[in-house]
PDB file of N, CA and C in Angstrom:
ATOM      1  N   MET A   1     152.621-126.011 126.553  1.00  0.00           N
ATOM      2  CA  MET A   1     153.816-125.896 125.778  1.00  0.00           C
ATOM      3  C   MET A   1     154.912-125.303 126.651  1.00  0.00           C
ATOM      4  N   LYS A   2     156.126-125.775 126.414  1.00  0.00           N
ATOM      5  CA  LYS A   2     157.303-125.222 127.064  1.00  0.00           C
ATOM      6  C   LYS A   2     158.360-124.950 126.003  1.00  0.00           C
ATOM      7  N   ALA A   3     159.216-123.982 126.272  1.00  0.00           N
ATOM      8  CA  ALA A   3     160.309-123.661 125.351  1.00  0.00           C
ATOM      9  C   ALA A   3     161.598-123.553 126.149  1.00  0.00           C
ATOM     10  N   TRP A   4     162.685-123.879 125.490  1.00  0.00           N
ATOM     11  CA  TRP A   4     163.991-123.825 126.114  1.00  0.00           C
ATOM     12  C   TRP A   4     164.998-123.354 125.090  1.00  0.00           C
ATOM     13  N   VAL A   5     165.880-122.449 125.472  1.00  0.00           N
ATOM     14  CA  VAL A   5     166.935-121.956 124.582  1.00  0.00           C
ATOM     15  C   VAL A   5     168.241-122.601 125.012  1.00  0.00           C
ATOM     16  N   ASP A   6     168.889-123.283 124.072  1.00  0.00           N
ATOM     17  CA  ASP A   6     170.176-123.924 124.340  1.00  0.00           C
ATOM     18  C   ASP A   6     171.248-122.840 124.414  1.00  0.00           C
ATOM     19  N   PRO A   7     171.820-122.604 125.598  1.00  0.00           N
ATOM     20  CA  PRO A   7     172.800-121.528 125.737  1.00  0.00           C
ATOM     21  C   PRO A   7     174.087-121.776 124.957  1.00  0.00           C
ATOM     22  N   ASP A   8     174.362-123.030 124.636  1.00  0.00           N
ATOM     23  CA  ASP A   8     175.561-123.343 123.860  1.00  0.00           C
ATOM     24  C   ASP A   8     175.391-123.035 122.376  1.00  0.00           C
ATOM     25  N   ARG A   9     174.149-122.997 121.910  1.00  0.00           N
ATOM     26  CA  ARG A   9     173.893-122.720 120.493  1.00  0.00           C
ATOM     27  C   ARG A   9     173.436-121.299 120.235  1.00  0.00           C
ATOM     28  N   CYS A  10     172.855-120.642 121.222  1.00  0.00           N
ATOM     29  CA  CYS A  10     172.353-119.280 121.038  1.00  0.00           C
ATOM     30  C   CYS A  10     173.514-118.330 120.753  1.00  0.00           C
ATOM     31  N   ALA A  11     173.363-117.535 119.704  1.00  0.00           N
ATOM     32  CA  ALA A  11     174.394-116.556 119.330  1.00  0.00           C
ATOM     33  C   ALA A  11     173.947-115.133 119.642  1.00  0.00           C
ATOM     34  N   GLY A  12     172.782-114.982 120.251  1.00  0.00           N
ATOM     35  CA  GLY A  12     172.320-113.666 120.665  1.00  0.00           C
ATOM     36  C   GLY A  12     171.761-112.799 119.557  1.00  0.00           C
ATOM     37  N   HIS A  13     171.241-113.407 118.503  1.00  0.00           N
ATOM     38  CA  HIS A  13     170.648-112.625 117.413  1.00  0.00           C
ATOM     39  C   HIS A  13     169.419-111.839 117.884  1.00  0.00           C
ATOM     40  N   GLY A  14     168.665-112.406 118.823  1.00  0.00           N
ATOM     41  CA  GLY A  14     167.504-111.714 119.380  1.00  0.00           C
ATOM     42  C   GLY A  14     166.247-111.774 118.538  1.00  0.00           C
ATOM     43  N   ILE A  15     166.236-112.595 117.512  1.00  0.00           N
ATOM     44  CA  ILE A  15     165.055-112.708 116.661  1.00  0.00           C
ATOM     45  C   ILE A  15     163.856-113.200 117.483  1.00  0.00           C
ATOM     46  N   CYS A  16     164.097-114.149 118.358  1.00  0.00           N
ATOM     47  CA  CYS A  16     163.009-114.691 119.178  1.00  0.00           C
ATOM     48  C   CYS A  16     162.401-113.625 120.083  1.00  0.00           C
ATOM     49  N   THR A  17     163.231-112.732 120.600  1.00  0.00           N
ATOM     50  CA  THR A  17     162.711-111.683 121.472  1.00  0.00           C
ATOM     51  C   THR A  17     161.875-110.672 120.697  1.00  0.00           C
ATOM     52  N   THR A  18     162.174-110.518 119.420  1.00  0.00           N
ATOM     53  CA  THR A  18     161.383-109.632 118.568  1.00  0.00           C
ATOM     54  C   THR A  18     160.044-110.276 118.219  1.00  0.00           C
ATOM     55  N   ILE A  19     160.069-111.571 117.924  1.00  0.00           N
ATOM     56  CA  ILE A  19     158.857-112.285 117.524  1.00  0.00           C
ATOM     57  C   ILE A  19     157.915-112.509 118.707  1.00  0.00           C
ATOM     58  N   CYS A  20     158.473-112.854 119.855  1.00  0.00           N
ATOM     59  CA  CYS A  20     157.624-113.179 121.007  1.00  0.00           C
ATOM     60  C   CYS A  20     158.265-112.680 122.314  1.00  0.00           C
ATOM     61  N   PRO A  21     158.233-111.377 122.545  1.00  0.00           N
ATOM     62  CA  PRO A  21     158.860-110.824 123.748  1.00  0.00           C
ATOM     63  C   PRO A  21     158.179-111.233 125.058  1.00  0.00           C
ATOM     64  N   SER A  22     156.979-111.786 124.971  1.00  0.00           N
ATOM     65  CA  SER A  22     156.303-112.252 126.185  1.00  0.00           C
ATOM     66  C   SER A  22     156.906-113.551 126.704  1.00  0.00           C
ATOM     67  N   VAL A  23     157.641-114.258 125.852  1.00  0.00           N
ATOM     68  CA  VAL A  23     158.214-115.548 126.227  1.00  0.00           C
ATOM     69  C   VAL A  23     159.746-115.501 126.257  1.00  0.00           C
ATOM     70  N   PHE A  24     160.357-114.764 125.344  1.00  0.00           N
ATOM     71  CA  PHE A  24     161.810-114.733 125.238  1.00  0.00           C
ATOM     72  C   PHE A  24     162.368-113.372 125.651  1.00  0.00           C
ATOM     73  N   ALA A  25     163.522-113.403 126.300  1.00  0.00           N
ATOM     74  CA  ALA A  25     164.195-112.176 126.722  1.00  0.00           C
ATOM     75  C   ALA A  25     165.699-112.379 126.587  1.00  0.00           C
ATOM     76  N   LEU A  26     166.431-111.274 126.477  1.00  0.00           N
ATOM     77  CA  LEU A  26     167.887-111.345 126.434  1.00  0.00           C
ATOM     78  C   LEU A  26     168.429-111.253 127.857  1.00  0.00           C
ATOM     79  N   THR A  27     169.419-112.062 128.140  1.00  0.00           N
ATOM     80  CA  THR A  27     170.085-112.014 129.440  1.00  0.00           C
ATOM     81  C   THR A  27     171.041-110.828 129.464  1.00  0.00           C
ATOM     82  N   ASP A  28     171.642-110.580 130.597  1.00  0.00           N
ATOM     83  CA  ASP A  28     172.630-109.511 130.710  1.00  0.00           C
ATOM     84  C   ASP A  28     173.829-109.745 129.799  1.00  0.00           C
ATOM     85  N   ASP A  29     174.074-111.012 129.446  1.00  0.00           N
ATOM     86  CA  ASP A  29     175.177-111.367 128.551  1.00  0.00           C
ATOM     87  C   ASP A  29     174.797-111.241 127.083  1.00  0.00           C
ATOM     88  N   GLY A  30     173.528-110.930 126.800  1.00  0.00           N
ATOM     89  CA  GLY A  30     173.084-110.737 125.425  1.00  0.00           C
ATOM     90  C   GLY A  30     172.591-111.977 124.713  1.00  0.00           C
ATOM     91  N   TYR A  31     172.313-113.029 125.474  1.00  0.00           N
ATOM     92  CA  TYR A  31     171.794-114.258 124.886  1.00  0.00           C
ATOM     93  C   TYR A  31     170.342-114.438 125.299  1.00  0.00           C
ATOM     94  N   SER A  32     169.612-115.196 124.506  1.00  0.00           N
ATOM     95  CA  SER A  32     168.187-115.379 124.775  1.00  0.00           C
ATOM     96  C   SER A  32     167.932-116.445 125.819  1.00  0.00           C
ATOM     97  N   GLU A  33     166.814-116.278 126.513  1.00  0.00           N
ATOM     98  CA  GLU A  33     166.303-117.295 127.415  1.00  0.00           C
ATOM     99  C   GLU A  33     164.789-117.249 127.335  1.00  0.00           C
ATOM    100  N   ALA A  34     164.170-118.375 127.634  1.00  0.00           N
ATOM    101  CA  ALA A  34     162.708-118.461 127.630  1.00  0.00           C
ATOM    102  C   ALA A  34     162.210-118.415 129.067  1.00  0.00           C
ATOM    103  N   ILE A  35     160.968-117.968 129.240  1.00  0.00           N
ATOM    104  CA  ILE A  35     160.377-117.992 130.572  1.00  0.00           C
ATOM    105  C   ILE A  35     160.293-119.437 131.038  1.00  0.00           C
ATOM    106  N   GLU A  36     160.336-119.624 132.327  1.00  0.00           N
ATOM    107  CA  GLU A  36     160.225-120.967 132.876  1.00  0.00           C
ATOM    108  C   GLU A  36     158.759-121.322 133.036  1.00  0.00           C
ATOM    109  N   GLY A  37     158.478-122.600 132.935  1.00  0.00           N
ATOM    110  CA  GLY A  37     157.118-123.062 133.142  1.00  0.00           C
ATOM    111  C   GLY A  37     156.323-123.148 131.853  1.00  0.00           C
ATOM    112  N   THR A  38     155.054-123.386 132.017  1.00  0.00           N
ATOM    113  CA  THR A  38     154.148-123.561 130.885  1.00  0.00           C
ATOM    114  C   THR A  38     153.828-122.215 130.249  1.00  0.00           C
ATOM    115  N   ILE A  39     153.874-122.191 128.939  1.00  0.00           N
ATOM    116  CA  ILE A  39     153.601-120.978 128.171  1.00  0.00           C
ATOM    117  C   ILE A  39     152.113-120.910 127.855  1.00  0.00           C
ATOM    118  N   ALA A  40     151.533-119.748 128.017  1.00  0.00           N
ATOM    119  CA  ALA A  40     150.105-119.565 127.726  1.00  0.00           C
ATOM    120  C   ALA A  40     149.824-119.907 126.261  1.00  0.00           C
ATOM    121  N   ALA A  41     148.685-120.538 126.030  1.00  0.00           N
ATOM    122  CA  ALA A  41     148.304-120.991 124.692  1.00  0.00           C
ATOM    123  C   ALA A  41     148.274-119.860 123.670  1.00  0.00           C
ATOM    124  N   GLU A  42     148.011-118.650 124.094  1.00  0.00           N
ATOM    125  CA  GLU A  42     147.947-117.524 123.155  1.00  0.00           C
ATOM    126  C   GLU A  42     149.293-117.239 122.484  1.00  0.00           C
ATOM    127  N   PHE A  43     150.381-117.761 123.054  1.00  0.00           N
ATOM    128  CA  PHE A  43     151.709-117.525 122.485  1.00  0.00           C
ATOM    129  C   PHE A  43     152.241-118.713 121.686  1.00  0.00           C
ATOM    130  N   ASP A  44     151.470-119.792 121.578  1.00  0.00           N
ATOM    131  CA  ASP A  44     151.939-121.007 120.907  1.00  0.00           C
ATOM    132  C   ASP A  44     152.496-120.739 119.514  1.00  0.00           C
ATOM    133  N   GLU A  45     151.752-120.081 118.676  1.00  0.00           N
ATOM    134  CA  GLU A  45     152.190-119.867 117.298  1.00  0.00           C
ATOM    135  C   GLU A  45     153.428-118.971 117.240  1.00  0.00           C
ATOM    136  N   ALA A  46     153.482-117.944 118.059  1.00  0.00           N
ATOM    137  CA  ALA A  46     154.639-117.051 118.071  1.00  0.00           C
ATOM    138  C   ALA A  46     155.898-117.783 118.547  1.00  0.00           C
ATOM    139  N   VAL A  47     155.750-118.656 119.532  1.00  0.00           N
ATOM    140  CA  VAL A  47     156.895-119.431 120.020  1.00  0.00           C
ATOM    141  C   VAL A  47     157.393-120.371 118.933  1.00  0.00           C
ATOM    142  N   ARG A  48     156.472-121.031 118.251  1.00  0.00           N
ATOM    143  CA  ARG A  48     156.876-121.928 117.156  1.00  0.00           C
ATOM    144  C   ARG A  48     157.551-121.142 116.023  1.00  0.00           C
ATOM    145  N   GLU A  49     157.052-119.955 115.729  1.00  0.00           N
ATOM    146  CA  GLU A  49     157.664-119.115 114.699  1.00  0.00           C
ATOM    147  C   GLU A  49     159.063-118.679 115.129  1.00  0.00           C
ATOM    148  N   ALA A  50     159.231-118.320 116.385  1.00  0.00           N
ATOM    149  CA  ALA A  50     160.551-117.943 116.887  1.00  0.00           C
ATOM    150  C   ALA A  50     161.536-119.107 116.745  1.00  0.00           C
ATOM    151  N   ALA A  51     161.080-120.314 117.049  1.00  0.00           N
ATOM    152  CA  ALA A  51     161.943-121.488 116.903  1.00  0.00           C
ATOM    153  C   ALA A  51     162.314-121.715 115.440  1.00  0.00           C
ATOM    154  N   ARG A  52     161.358-121.530 114.548  1.00  0.00           N
ATOM    155  CA  ARG A  52     161.633-121.713 113.107  1.00  0.00           C
ATOM    156  C   ARG A  52     162.609-120.665 112.590  1.00  0.00           C
ATOM    157  N   GLN A  53     162.505-119.450 113.093  1.00  0.00           N
ATOM    158  CA  GLN A  53     163.328-118.346 112.592  1.00  0.00           C
ATOM    159  C   GLN A  53     164.709-118.267 113.239  1.00  0.00           C
ATOM    160  N   CYS A  54     164.957-119.008 114.287  1.00  0.00           N
ATOM    161  CA  CYS A  54     166.254-118.953 114.972  1.00  0.00           C
ATOM    162  C   CYS A  54     167.360-119.459 114.044  1.00  0.00           C
ATOM    163  N   PRO A  55     168.330-118.600 113.692  1.00  0.00           N
ATOM    164  CA  PRO A  55     169.389-119.008 112.769  1.00  0.00           C
ATOM    165  C   PRO A  55     170.272-120.129 113.320  1.00  0.00           C
ATOM    166  N   GLU A  56     170.352-120.239 114.627  1.00  0.00           N
ATOM    167  CA  GLU A  56     171.206-121.254 115.256  1.00  0.00           C
ATOM    168  C   GLU A  56     170.437-122.506 115.658  1.00  0.00           C
ATOM    169  N   HIS A  57     169.119-122.510 115.432  1.00  0.00           N
ATOM    170  CA  HIS A  57     168.250-123.641 115.839  1.00  0.00           C
ATOM    171  C   HIS A  57     168.448-123.947 117.317  1.00  0.00           C
ATOM    172  N   ALA A  58     168.485-122.882 118.126  1.00  0.00           N
ATOM    173  CA  ALA A  58     168.778-123.031 119.551  1.00  0.00           C
ATOM    174  C   ALA A  58     167.526-123.163 120.414  1.00  0.00           C
ATOM    175  N   ILE A  59     166.348-123.091 119.829  1.00  0.00           N
ATOM    176  CA  ILE A  59     165.108-123.142 120.610  1.00  0.00           C
ATOM    177  C   ILE A  59     164.442-124.503 120.455  1.00  0.00           C
ATOM    178  N   ASP A  60     164.196-125.135 121.588  1.00  0.00           N
ATOM    179  CA  ASP A  60     163.456-126.393 121.604  1.00  0.00           C
ATOM    180  C   ASP A  60     162.071-126.115 122.174  1.00  0.00           C
ATOM    181  N   VAL A  61     161.068-126.680 121.523  1.00  0.00           N
ATOM    182  CA  VAL A  61     159.682-126.503 121.946  1.00  0.00           C
ATOM    183  C   VAL A  61     159.065-127.870 122.174  1.00  0.00           C
ATOM    184  N   THR A  62     158.368-128.019 123.308  1.00  0.00           N
ATOM    185  CA  THR A  62     157.646-129.255 123.583  1.00  0.00           C
ATOM    186  C   THR A  62     156.197-128.917 123.866  1.00  0.00           C
ATOM    187  N   ASP A  63     155.329-129.865 123.619  1.00  0.00           N
ATOM    188  CA  ASP A  63     153.909-129.671 123.898  1.00  0.00           C
ATOM    189  C   ASP A  63     153.550-130.091 125.311  1.00  0.00           C
ATOM    190  N   GLU A  64     154.533-130.464 126.087  1.00  0.00           N
ATOM    191  CA  GLU A  64     154.290-130.866 127.478  1.00  0.00           C
ATOM    192  C   GLU A  64     153.938-129.655 128.325  1.00  0.00           C
ATOM    193  N   ASP A  65     153.107-129.876 129.321  1.00  0.00           N
ATOM    194  CA  ASP A  65     152.790-128.818 130.289  1.00  0.00           C
ATOM    195  C   ASP A  65     153.649-128.936 131.502  1.00  0.00           C
TER     196      ASP A  65
END
């Protein structure tokens, strides 16, 4: 699984960083970003929950490795 945060849609709410801090972090500008590369399977559900809870729908999740 991979995740990507659209910087044009992210409003910096930080909900994703609260739900899954192992995958999402806030940049110095206060917007979210996801780790690069394949996400460990143990975080799959948390990443999907973060995407569902994002008020701006700025998180894209793919099942690709």
